Amino acid sequence: MTTNIEKPQARVKVLKRPHTGVTVTNVVETKKPVSVTNFSGVYQLGPMERIEIIKKGVPAGEVAKIAKTIGRPKERLFKVLGLPRATVDRRARSKQQLSPDQGERVLGFSKLVGQVQVMIEQSGDPSGFDAARWVADWLDRPAPALGGRCPAEYMDTAEGQELVSGLIAKIQSGAYA
């Protein structure tokens, strides 16, 4: 199942009214799907769009796709995000959605990788840089700004993910270079 993270786009719809011969042109908002593994796309969505995705449900199968993209076993991602392995695997096999709480953590992880991707793209030449793998490595390294704890220890809650995201922003500004 493909995750339908959607970003609004406009398209023109032309209607011809019967019996009058009048042609009406309307601009209609449509949705363009963005995958959970399109990290910069997830990051660039607005909060309302991400909330809508969380409420609709993130497919459980997306966890394995993210794990593959970051080059880590899905069991490691389960641990980092505090996801119950048996539940996620069962839901993935039956093509079900994660609970809103679980989906929020998965989407938050994608957003964090997207934040790094966008940061690198804005900083210069991103060629050869793999943001997903860099984040996976960085999360497992002790951070002085976290009292020597690893950022991965904070990824299992929304507040923790915000803390880690703020740390990435400080790195970008040079505060923790």
N, C-alpha and C. Protein backbone atom coordinates (compact mmCIF):
# COMPACT_ATOMS: atom_id res chain seq x y z
N MET A 1 0.84 -1.18 0.00
CA MET A 1 0.00 0.00 0.00
C MET A 1 0.88 1.23 0.00
N THR A 2 0.60 2.18 -0.84
CA THR A 2 1.34 3.42 -0.92
C THR A 2 0.78 4.40 0.09
N THR A 3 1.66 5.07 0.78
CA THR A 3 1.23 6.08 1.72
C THR A 3 0.80 7.30 0.96
N ASN A 4 -0.37 7.79 1.26
CA ASN A 4 -0.85 8.98 0.57
C ASN A 4 -0.69 10.20 1.45
N ILE A 5 0.52 10.69 1.47
CA ILE A 5 0.76 11.98 2.09
C ILE A 5 0.52 12.95 0.96
N GLU A 6 -0.41 13.82 1.15
CA GLU A 6 -0.86 14.62 0.02
C GLU A 6 -0.53 16.09 0.21
N LYS A 7 -0.15 16.70 -0.85
CA LYS A 7 0.13 18.12 -0.87
C LYS A 7 -0.80 18.75 -1.91
N PRO A 8 -1.54 19.80 -1.51
CA PRO A 8 -2.49 20.39 -2.45
C PRO A 8 -1.82 20.97 -3.69
N GLN A 9 -2.46 20.80 -4.80
CA GLN A 9 -2.07 21.42 -6.05
C GLN A 9 -3.34 21.90 -6.72
N ALA A 10 -3.19 22.85 -7.61
CA ALA A 10 -4.36 23.34 -8.32
C ALA A 10 -4.40 22.75 -9.72
N ARG A 11 -5.60 22.47 -10.20
CA ARG A 11 -5.77 22.07 -11.59
C ARG A 11 -7.01 22.80 -12.10
N VAL A 12 -7.06 22.97 -13.38
CA VAL A 12 -8.19 23.68 -14.00
C VAL A 12 -9.21 22.66 -14.47
N LYS A 13 -10.46 22.91 -14.14
CA LYS A 13 -11.54 22.03 -14.55
C LYS A 13 -12.50 22.86 -15.40
N VAL A 14 -12.72 22.42 -16.62
CA VAL A 14 -13.60 23.14 -17.54
C VAL A 14 -14.91 22.36 -17.66
N LEU A 15 -16.00 23.03 -17.40
CA LEU A 15 -17.32 22.42 -17.47
C LEU A 15 -18.17 23.14 -18.51
N LYS A 16 -18.92 22.40 -19.27
CA LYS A 16 -19.85 23.00 -20.20
C LYS A 16 -21.24 22.71 -19.67
N ARG A 17 -21.99 23.76 -19.37
CA ARG A 17 -23.32 23.59 -18.80
C ARG A 17 -24.31 23.20 -19.88
N PRO A 18 -25.05 22.13 -19.63
CA PRO A 18 -26.03 21.68 -20.63
C PRO A 18 -27.13 22.72 -20.83
N HIS A 19 -27.68 22.75 -21.96
CA HIS A 19 -28.81 23.60 -22.36
C HIS A 19 -28.47 25.07 -22.48
N THR A 20 -27.38 25.55 -21.85
CA THR A 20 -27.08 26.97 -21.95
C THR A 20 -25.90 27.23 -22.88
N GLY A 21 -25.06 26.19 -23.05
CA GLY A 21 -23.88 26.35 -23.88
C GLY A 21 -22.79 27.17 -23.21
N VAL A 22 -22.97 27.52 -21.93
CA VAL A 22 -21.99 28.33 -21.21
C VAL A 22 -20.87 27.41 -20.71
N THR A 23 -19.64 27.85 -20.95
CA THR A 23 -18.48 27.11 -20.46
C THR A 23 -18.00 27.79 -19.20
N VAL A 24 -17.80 27.00 -18.15
CA VAL A 24 -17.33 27.52 -16.86
C VAL A 24 -15.97 26.91 -16.57
N THR A 25 -15.04 27.74 -16.21
CA THR A 25 -13.72 27.28 -15.85
C THR A 25 -13.54 27.46 -14.35
N ASN A 26 -13.25 26.38 -13.67
CA ASN A 26 -13.01 26.42 -12.23
C ASN A 26 -11.60 25.95 -11.94
N VAL A 27 -10.99 26.56 -10.94
CA VAL A 27 -9.72 26.06 -10.44
C VAL A 27 -10.07 25.16 -9.27
N VAL A 28 -9.67 23.90 -9.37
CA VAL A 28 -10.01 22.91 -8.37
C VAL A 28 -8.73 22.46 -7.69
N GLU A 29 -8.76 22.41 -6.35
CA GLU A 29 -7.60 21.93 -5.62
C GLU A 29 -7.59 20.41 -5.63
N THR A 30 -6.45 19.84 -6.00
CA THR A 30 -6.30 18.39 -5.99
C THR A 30 -5.17 18.02 -5.04
N LYS A 31 -5.00 16.76 -4.78
CA LYS A 31 -3.96 16.30 -3.88
C LYS A 31 -2.92 15.50 -4.64
N LYS A 32 -1.64 15.80 -4.40
CA LYS A 32 -0.55 15.07 -5.03
C LYS A 32 0.10 14.20 -3.96
N PRO A 33 0.13 12.88 -4.13
CA PRO A 33 0.71 12.01 -3.12
C PRO A 33 2.20 12.25 -2.92
N VAL A 34 2.63 12.20 -1.65
CA VAL A 34 4.03 12.28 -1.28
C VAL A 34 4.31 11.09 -0.38
N SER A 35 5.33 10.31 -0.69
CA SER A 35 5.66 9.12 0.10
C SER A 35 6.31 9.50 1.43
N VAL A 36 6.13 8.66 2.45
CA VAL A 36 6.78 8.87 3.75
C VAL A 36 8.30 8.85 3.58
N THR A 37 8.81 8.14 2.58
CA THR A 37 10.25 8.12 2.34
C THR A 37 10.71 9.29 1.47
N ASN A 38 9.78 10.16 1.08
CA ASN A 38 10.15 11.43 0.45
C ASN A 38 10.32 12.41 1.60
N PHE A 39 11.46 12.31 2.26
CA PHE A 39 11.68 13.01 3.52
C PHE A 39 11.53 14.52 3.41
N SER A 40 12.10 15.12 2.37
CA SER A 40 11.98 16.57 2.25
C SER A 40 10.53 16.96 1.98
N GLY A 41 9.78 16.11 1.26
CA GLY A 41 8.36 16.37 1.04
C GLY A 41 7.58 16.37 2.33
N VAL A 42 7.86 15.42 3.21
CA VAL A 42 7.21 15.36 4.53
C VAL A 42 7.56 16.60 5.33
N TYR A 43 8.85 16.98 5.32
CA TYR A 43 9.30 18.15 6.08
C TYR A 43 8.61 19.43 5.60
N GLN A 44 8.40 19.53 4.30
CA GLN A 44 7.84 20.75 3.74
C GLN A 44 6.32 20.84 3.84
N LEU A 45 5.67 19.76 4.25
CA LEU A 45 4.23 19.83 4.49
C LEU A 45 3.98 20.73 5.69
N GLY A 46 2.80 21.33 5.72
CA GLY A 46 2.42 22.13 6.87
C GLY A 46 1.92 21.25 8.01
N PRO A 47 1.86 21.80 9.21
CA PRO A 47 1.39 21.03 10.36
C PRO A 47 -0.01 20.45 10.15
N MET A 48 -0.90 21.20 9.54
CA MET A 48 -2.27 20.71 9.32
C MET A 48 -2.26 19.49 8.39
N GLU A 49 -1.39 19.53 7.38
CA GLU A 49 -1.30 18.40 6.46
C GLU A 49 -0.74 17.16 7.16
N ARG A 50 0.28 17.36 8.00
CA ARG A 50 0.84 16.22 8.73
C ARG A 50 -0.17 15.66 9.73
N ILE A 51 -0.92 16.52 10.38
CA ILE A 51 -1.95 16.06 11.33
C ILE A 51 -3.00 15.23 10.59
N GLU A 52 -3.40 15.68 9.41
CA GLU A 52 -4.38 14.94 8.62
C GLU A 52 -3.85 13.54 8.26
N ILE A 53 -2.58 13.46 7.91
CA ILE A 53 -1.97 12.17 7.57
C ILE A 53 -1.97 11.26 8.79
N ILE A 54 -1.60 11.80 9.93
CA ILE A 54 -1.57 11.01 11.17
C ILE A 54 -2.95 10.48 11.50
N LYS A 55 -3.97 11.33 11.35
CA LYS A 55 -5.33 10.91 11.67
C LYS A 55 -5.86 9.88 10.68
N LYS A 56 -5.48 10.01 9.41
CA LYS A 56 -5.90 9.02 8.41
C LYS A 56 -5.18 7.70 8.61
N GLY A 57 -3.96 7.78 9.10
CA GLY A 57 -3.18 6.58 9.40
C GLY A 57 -2.04 6.37 8.43
N VAL A 58 -0.87 6.12 9.00
CA VAL A 58 0.31 5.79 8.21
C VAL A 58 0.35 4.27 8.08
N PRO A 59 0.45 3.74 6.87
CA PRO A 59 0.52 2.29 6.70
C PRO A 59 1.72 1.69 7.45
N ALA A 60 1.49 0.61 8.15
CA ALA A 60 2.54 -0.03 8.94
C ALA A 60 3.72 -0.46 8.08
N GLY A 61 3.49 -0.80 6.84
CA GLY A 61 4.55 -1.23 5.93
C GLY A 61 5.59 -0.16 5.65
N GLU A 62 5.27 1.08 5.94
CA GLU A 62 6.21 2.18 5.69
C GLU A 62 7.43 2.11 6.60
N VAL A 63 7.28 1.49 7.77
CA VAL A 63 8.41 1.38 8.70
C VAL A 63 9.56 0.61 8.04
N ALA A 64 9.25 -0.49 7.39
CA ALA A 64 10.28 -1.29 6.72
C ALA A 64 10.92 -0.50 5.57
N LYS A 65 10.12 0.29 4.86
CA LYS A 65 10.67 1.09 3.75
C LYS A 65 11.64 2.14 4.28
N ILE A 66 11.27 2.77 5.39
CA ILE A 66 12.17 3.78 5.97
C ILE A 66 13.45 3.11 6.45
N ALA A 67 13.33 1.97 7.12
CA ALA A 67 14.51 1.26 7.62
C ALA A 67 15.46 0.92 6.47
N LYS A 68 14.90 0.47 5.37
CA LYS A 68 15.73 0.13 4.21
C LYS A 68 16.42 1.39 3.67
N THR A 69 15.70 2.48 3.61
CA THR A 69 16.25 3.74 3.08
C THR A 69 17.37 4.27 3.96
N ILE A 70 17.25 4.11 5.28
CA ILE A 70 18.29 4.63 6.17
C ILE A 70 19.42 3.62 6.38
N GLY A 71 19.26 2.42 5.83
CA GLY A 71 20.31 1.42 5.93
C GLY A 71 20.42 0.78 7.30
N ARG A 72 19.30 0.63 7.98
CA ARG A 72 19.26 0.02 9.30
C ARG A 72 18.22 -1.09 9.31
N PRO A 73 18.41 -2.10 10.17
CA PRO A 73 17.37 -3.12 10.31
C PRO A 73 16.10 -2.48 10.88
N LYS A 74 14.96 -2.98 10.45
CA LYS A 74 13.71 -2.39 10.95
C LYS A 74 13.59 -2.54 12.46
N GLU A 75 14.21 -3.58 13.03
CA GLU A 75 14.17 -3.76 14.48
C GLU A 75 14.82 -2.58 15.20
N ARG A 76 15.87 -2.02 14.59
CA ARG A 76 16.52 -0.83 15.19
C ARG A 76 15.57 0.35 15.14
N LEU A 77 14.87 0.52 14.04
CA LEU A 77 13.91 1.62 13.93
C LEU A 77 12.76 1.42 14.91
N PHE A 78 12.31 0.18 15.08
CA PHE A 78 11.27 -0.11 16.09
C PHE A 78 11.72 0.38 17.46
N LYS A 79 12.96 0.05 17.80
CA LYS A 79 13.48 0.42 19.12
C LYS A 79 13.59 1.94 19.27
N VAL A 80 14.18 2.59 18.28
CA VAL A 80 14.37 4.04 18.34
C VAL A 80 13.03 4.76 18.47
N LEU A 81 12.03 4.32 17.73
CA LEU A 81 10.73 4.99 17.74
C LEU A 81 9.77 4.44 18.80
N GLY A 82 10.21 3.44 19.54
CA GLY A 82 9.37 2.87 20.57
C GLY A 82 8.14 2.17 20.01
N LEU A 83 8.31 1.49 18.89
CA LEU A 83 7.20 0.79 18.24
C LEU A 83 7.20 -0.68 18.62
N PRO A 84 6.04 -1.25 18.93
CA PRO A 84 5.98 -2.68 19.24
C PRO A 84 6.15 -3.51 17.97
N ARG A 85 7.22 -4.28 17.93
CA ARG A 85 7.58 -5.04 16.73
C ARG A 85 6.46 -5.95 16.24
N ALA A 86 5.90 -6.76 17.14
CA ALA A 86 4.88 -7.73 16.74
C ALA A 86 3.65 -7.02 16.16
N THR A 87 3.25 -5.95 16.78
CA THR A 87 2.06 -5.21 16.32
C THR A 87 2.30 -4.60 14.94
N VAL A 88 3.45 -3.95 14.78
CA VAL A 88 3.75 -3.31 13.50
C VAL A 88 3.88 -4.36 12.39
N ASP A 89 4.57 -5.45 12.67
CA ASP A 89 4.71 -6.51 11.67
C ASP A 89 3.35 -7.10 11.29
N ARG A 90 2.50 -7.34 12.28
CA ARG A 90 1.17 -7.90 12.01
C ARG A 90 0.34 -6.93 11.16
N ARG A 91 0.40 -5.66 11.51
CA ARG A 91 -0.36 -4.66 10.74
C ARG A 91 0.20 -4.50 9.34
N ALA A 92 1.49 -4.61 9.19
CA ALA A 92 2.11 -4.51 7.86
C ALA A 92 1.67 -5.68 6.99
N ARG A 93 1.68 -6.89 7.56
CA ARG A 93 1.26 -8.07 6.79
C ARG A 93 -0.19 -7.95 6.33
N SER A 94 -1.04 -7.38 7.17
CA SER A 94 -2.46 -7.26 6.81
C SER A 94 -2.79 -5.89 6.20
N LYS A 95 -1.73 -5.15 5.84
CA LYS A 95 -1.87 -3.85 5.16
C LYS A 95 -2.76 -2.88 5.93
N GLN A 96 -2.53 -2.82 7.24
CA GLN A 96 -3.28 -1.91 8.11
C GLN A 96 -2.44 -0.69 8.45
N GLN A 97 -3.12 0.28 9.04
CA GLN A 97 -2.47 1.53 9.44
C GLN A 97 -1.90 1.40 10.85
N LEU A 98 -0.90 2.20 11.13
CA LEU A 98 -0.40 2.32 12.49
C LEU A 98 -1.40 3.11 13.32
N SER A 99 -1.32 3.00 14.63
CA SER A 99 -2.16 3.85 15.49
C SER A 99 -1.71 5.29 15.28
N PRO A 100 -2.54 6.27 15.61
CA PRO A 100 -2.12 7.67 15.45
C PRO A 100 -0.81 7.99 16.19
N ASP A 101 -0.64 7.47 17.39
CA ASP A 101 0.58 7.72 18.15
C ASP A 101 1.79 7.14 17.43
N GLN A 102 1.67 5.92 16.94
CA GLN A 102 2.78 5.29 16.22
C GLN A 102 3.05 6.01 14.90
N GLY A 103 2.00 6.35 14.18
CA GLY A 103 2.15 7.06 12.92
C GLY A 103 2.82 8.41 13.11
N GLU A 104 2.50 9.07 14.21
CA GLU A 104 3.10 10.37 14.51
C GLU A 104 4.61 10.25 14.69
N ARG A 105 5.04 9.19 15.37
CA ARG A 105 6.48 8.98 15.57
C ARG A 105 7.19 8.67 14.26
N VAL A 106 6.55 7.86 13.40
CA VAL A 106 7.14 7.52 12.10
C VAL A 106 7.22 8.77 11.23
N LEU A 107 6.15 9.53 11.19
CA LEU A 107 6.13 10.76 10.39
C LEU A 107 7.15 11.76 10.94
N GLY A 108 7.29 11.82 12.26
CA GLY A 108 8.27 12.71 12.88
C GLY A 108 9.69 12.35 12.49
N PHE A 109 9.96 11.05 12.39
CA PHE A 109 11.28 10.60 11.95
C PHE A 109 11.52 11.05 10.51
N SER A 110 10.54 10.85 9.65
CA SER A 110 10.66 11.28 8.25
C SER A 110 10.87 12.78 8.16
N LYS A 111 10.16 13.51 8.98
CA LYS A 111 10.29 14.98 8.99
C LYS A 111 11.71 15.38 9.40
N LEU A 112 12.30 14.69 10.38
CA LEU A 112 13.65 15.01 10.82
C LEU A 112 14.67 14.78 9.71
N VAL A 113 14.55 13.66 9.01
CA VAL A 113 15.45 13.39 7.89
C VAL A 113 15.25 14.47 6.82
N GLY A 114 14.00 14.84 6.57
CA GLY A 114 13.71 15.90 5.60
C GLY A 114 14.32 17.23 6.01
N GLN A 115 14.31 17.52 7.30
CA GLN A 115 14.91 18.76 7.79
C GLN A 115 16.40 18.80 7.44
N VAL A 116 17.09 17.69 7.63
CA VAL A 116 18.52 17.62 7.30
C VAL A 116 18.71 17.73 5.79
N GLN A 117 17.87 17.03 5.02
CA GLN A 117 17.97 17.09 3.55
C GLN A 117 17.83 18.53 3.05
N VAL A 118 16.81 19.21 3.53
CA VAL A 118 16.56 20.59 3.10
C VAL A 118 17.70 21.50 3.56
N MET A 119 18.20 21.28 4.77
CA MET A 119 19.30 22.07 5.30
C MET A 119 20.53 21.95 4.40
N ILE A 120 20.85 20.72 3.99
CA ILE A 120 22.02 20.50 3.14
C ILE A 120 21.80 21.11 1.75
N GLU A 121 20.59 20.94 1.21
CA GLU A 121 20.29 21.52 -0.11
C GLU A 121 20.42 23.04 -0.09
N GLN A 122 20.02 23.67 1.00
CA GLN A 122 20.09 25.13 1.10
C GLN A 122 21.51 25.62 1.38
N SER A 123 22.35 24.72 1.90
CA SER A 123 23.71 25.11 2.26
C SER A 123 24.70 25.05 1.10
N GLY A 124 24.33 24.39 0.03
CA GLY A 124 25.27 24.28 -1.08
C GLY A 124 25.03 23.03 -1.90
N ASP A 125 26.10 22.36 -2.22
CA ASP A 125 26.04 21.19 -3.10
C ASP A 125 25.73 19.92 -2.30
N PRO A 126 24.51 19.36 -2.46
CA PRO A 126 24.14 18.16 -1.71
C PRO A 126 24.58 16.85 -2.37
N SER A 127 25.26 16.93 -3.51
CA SER A 127 25.61 15.70 -4.22
C SER A 127 26.52 14.83 -3.36
N GLY A 128 26.19 13.55 -3.32
CA GLY A 128 26.97 12.60 -2.54
C GLY A 128 26.59 12.52 -1.07
N PHE A 129 25.72 13.39 -0.61
CA PHE A 129 25.31 13.37 0.80
C PHE A 129 24.00 12.61 0.93
N ASP A 130 23.97 11.62 1.79
CA ASP A 130 22.78 10.82 2.04
C ASP A 130 22.22 11.21 3.41
N ALA A 131 21.25 12.11 3.42
CA ALA A 131 20.69 12.63 4.66
C ALA A 131 20.11 11.53 5.54
N ALA A 132 19.44 10.56 4.92
CA ALA A 132 18.80 9.49 5.69
C ALA A 132 19.84 8.67 6.46
N ARG A 133 20.92 8.31 5.81
CA ARG A 133 21.96 7.53 6.49
C ARG A 133 22.74 8.38 7.49
N TRP A 134 22.94 9.66 7.17
CA TRP A 134 23.62 10.54 8.11
C TRP A 134 22.82 10.65 9.40
N VAL A 135 21.50 10.86 9.27
CA VAL A 135 20.64 10.96 10.46
C VAL A 135 20.71 9.67 11.26
N ALA A 136 20.62 8.53 10.58
CA ALA A 136 20.67 7.24 11.28
C ALA A 136 21.97 7.10 12.07
N ASP A 137 23.09 7.51 11.49
CA ASP A 137 24.37 7.46 12.19
C ASP A 137 24.42 8.47 13.34
N TRP A 138 24.01 9.70 13.06
CA TRP A 138 24.07 10.78 14.04
C TRP A 138 23.21 10.49 15.27
N LEU A 139 22.05 9.87 15.06
CA LEU A 139 21.17 9.57 16.19
C LEU A 139 21.83 8.66 17.21
N ASP A 140 22.78 7.83 16.77
CA ASP A 140 23.43 6.87 17.67
C ASP A 140 24.72 7.40 18.29
N ARG A 141 25.07 8.65 18.02
CA ARG A 141 26.29 9.23 18.60
C ARG A 141 25.93 10.13 19.78
N PRO A 142 26.66 10.01 20.89
CA PRO A 142 26.40 10.89 22.04
C PRO A 142 26.54 12.36 21.63
N ALA A 143 25.63 13.18 22.13
CA ALA A 143 25.64 14.60 21.80
C ALA A 143 25.91 15.42 23.07
N PRO A 144 26.95 16.23 23.06
CA PRO A 144 27.24 17.07 24.23
C PRO A 144 26.05 17.93 24.64
N ALA A 145 25.29 18.41 23.67
CA ALA A 145 24.14 19.27 23.97
C ALA A 145 23.03 18.52 24.70
N LEU A 146 23.10 17.18 24.68
CA LEU A 146 22.10 16.35 25.38
C LEU A 146 22.74 15.69 26.60
N GLY A 147 23.79 16.30 27.13
CA GLY A 147 24.44 15.75 28.31
C GLY A 147 25.15 14.44 28.02
N GLY A 148 25.57 14.24 26.79
CA GLY A 148 26.27 13.03 26.40
C GLY A 148 25.35 11.88 26.01
N ARG A 149 24.04 12.11 26.04
CA ARG A 149 23.10 11.07 25.62
C ARG A 149 22.94 11.12 24.10
N CYS A 150 22.53 9.99 23.53
CA CYS A 150 22.33 9.90 22.09
C CYS A 150 20.96 10.47 21.71
N PRO A 151 20.87 11.21 20.60
CA PRO A 151 19.58 11.73 20.16
C PRO A 151 18.52 10.64 19.97
N ALA A 152 18.94 9.41 19.61
CA ALA A 152 18.00 8.31 19.41
C ALA A 152 17.15 8.06 20.65
N GLU A 153 17.69 8.36 21.83
CA GLU A 153 16.96 8.14 23.08
C GLU A 153 15.72 9.02 23.19
N TYR A 154 15.61 10.03 22.35
CA TYR A 154 14.51 10.98 22.44
C TYR A 154 13.49 10.84 21.31
N MET A 155 13.73 9.90 20.40
CA MET A 155 12.90 9.81 19.20
C MET A 155 11.58 9.06 19.40
N ASP A 156 11.32 8.55 20.61
CA ASP A 156 10.11 7.79 20.84
C ASP A 156 8.93 8.62 21.34
N THR A 157 9.12 9.94 21.43
CA THR A 157 8.02 10.84 21.79
C THR A 157 8.04 12.06 20.88
N ALA A 158 6.89 12.69 20.72
CA ALA A 158 6.81 13.91 19.89
C ALA A 158 7.67 15.02 20.49
N GLU A 159 7.65 15.17 21.81
CA GLU A 159 8.48 16.19 22.47
C GLU A 159 9.96 15.92 22.24
N GLY A 160 10.34 14.66 22.35
CA GLY A 160 11.73 14.29 22.12
C GLY A 160 12.15 14.58 20.70
N GLN A 161 11.27 14.30 19.75
CA GLN A 161 11.58 14.59 18.35
C GLN A 161 11.74 16.08 18.12
N GLU A 162 10.93 16.89 18.80
CA GLU A 162 11.07 18.35 18.69
C GLU A 162 12.41 18.81 19.27
N LEU A 163 12.82 18.19 20.38
CA LEU A 163 14.10 18.49 20.99
C LEU A 163 15.24 18.18 20.01
N VAL A 164 15.19 17.02 19.39
CA VAL A 164 16.22 16.61 18.43
C VAL A 164 16.20 17.52 17.20
N SER A 165 15.01 17.88 16.74
CA SER A 165 14.89 18.80 15.60
C SER A 165 15.51 20.16 15.93
N GLY A 166 15.27 20.63 17.15
CA GLY A 166 15.88 21.89 17.59
C GLY A 166 17.39 21.81 17.62
N LEU A 167 17.91 20.64 18.00
CA LEU A 167 19.36 20.45 18.02
C LEU A 167 19.92 20.50 16.60
N ILE A 168 19.22 19.90 15.66
CA ILE A 168 19.64 19.97 14.25
C ILE A 168 19.66 21.43 13.79
N ALA A 169 18.65 22.19 14.17
CA ALA A 169 18.60 23.62 13.79
C ALA A 169 19.78 24.38 14.39
N LYS A 170 20.16 24.03 15.62
CA LYS A 170 21.31 24.69 16.24
C LYS A 170 22.61 24.31 15.54
N ILE A 171 22.70 23.06 15.10
CA ILE A 171 23.87 22.64 14.34
C ILE A 171 23.97 23.46 13.06
N GLN A 172 22.81 23.66 12.40
CA GLN A 172 22.80 24.45 11.17
C GLN A 172 23.27 25.86 11.43
N SER A 173 22.88 26.44 12.55
CA SER A 173 23.26 27.82 12.84
C SER A 173 24.71 27.94 13.31
N GLY A 174 25.34 26.81 13.61
CA GLY A 174 26.72 26.82 14.06
C GLY A 174 26.88 26.79 15.57
N ALA A 175 25.78 26.74 16.29
CA ALA A 175 25.84 26.75 17.75
C ALA A 175 26.52 25.51 18.31
N TYR A 176 26.36 24.35 17.62
CA TYR A 176 26.97 23.09 18.08
C TYR A 176 27.83 22.49 16.99
N ALA A 177 28.54 23.31 16.24
CA ALA A 177 29.36 22.81 15.14
C ALA A 177 30.56 22.05 15.62
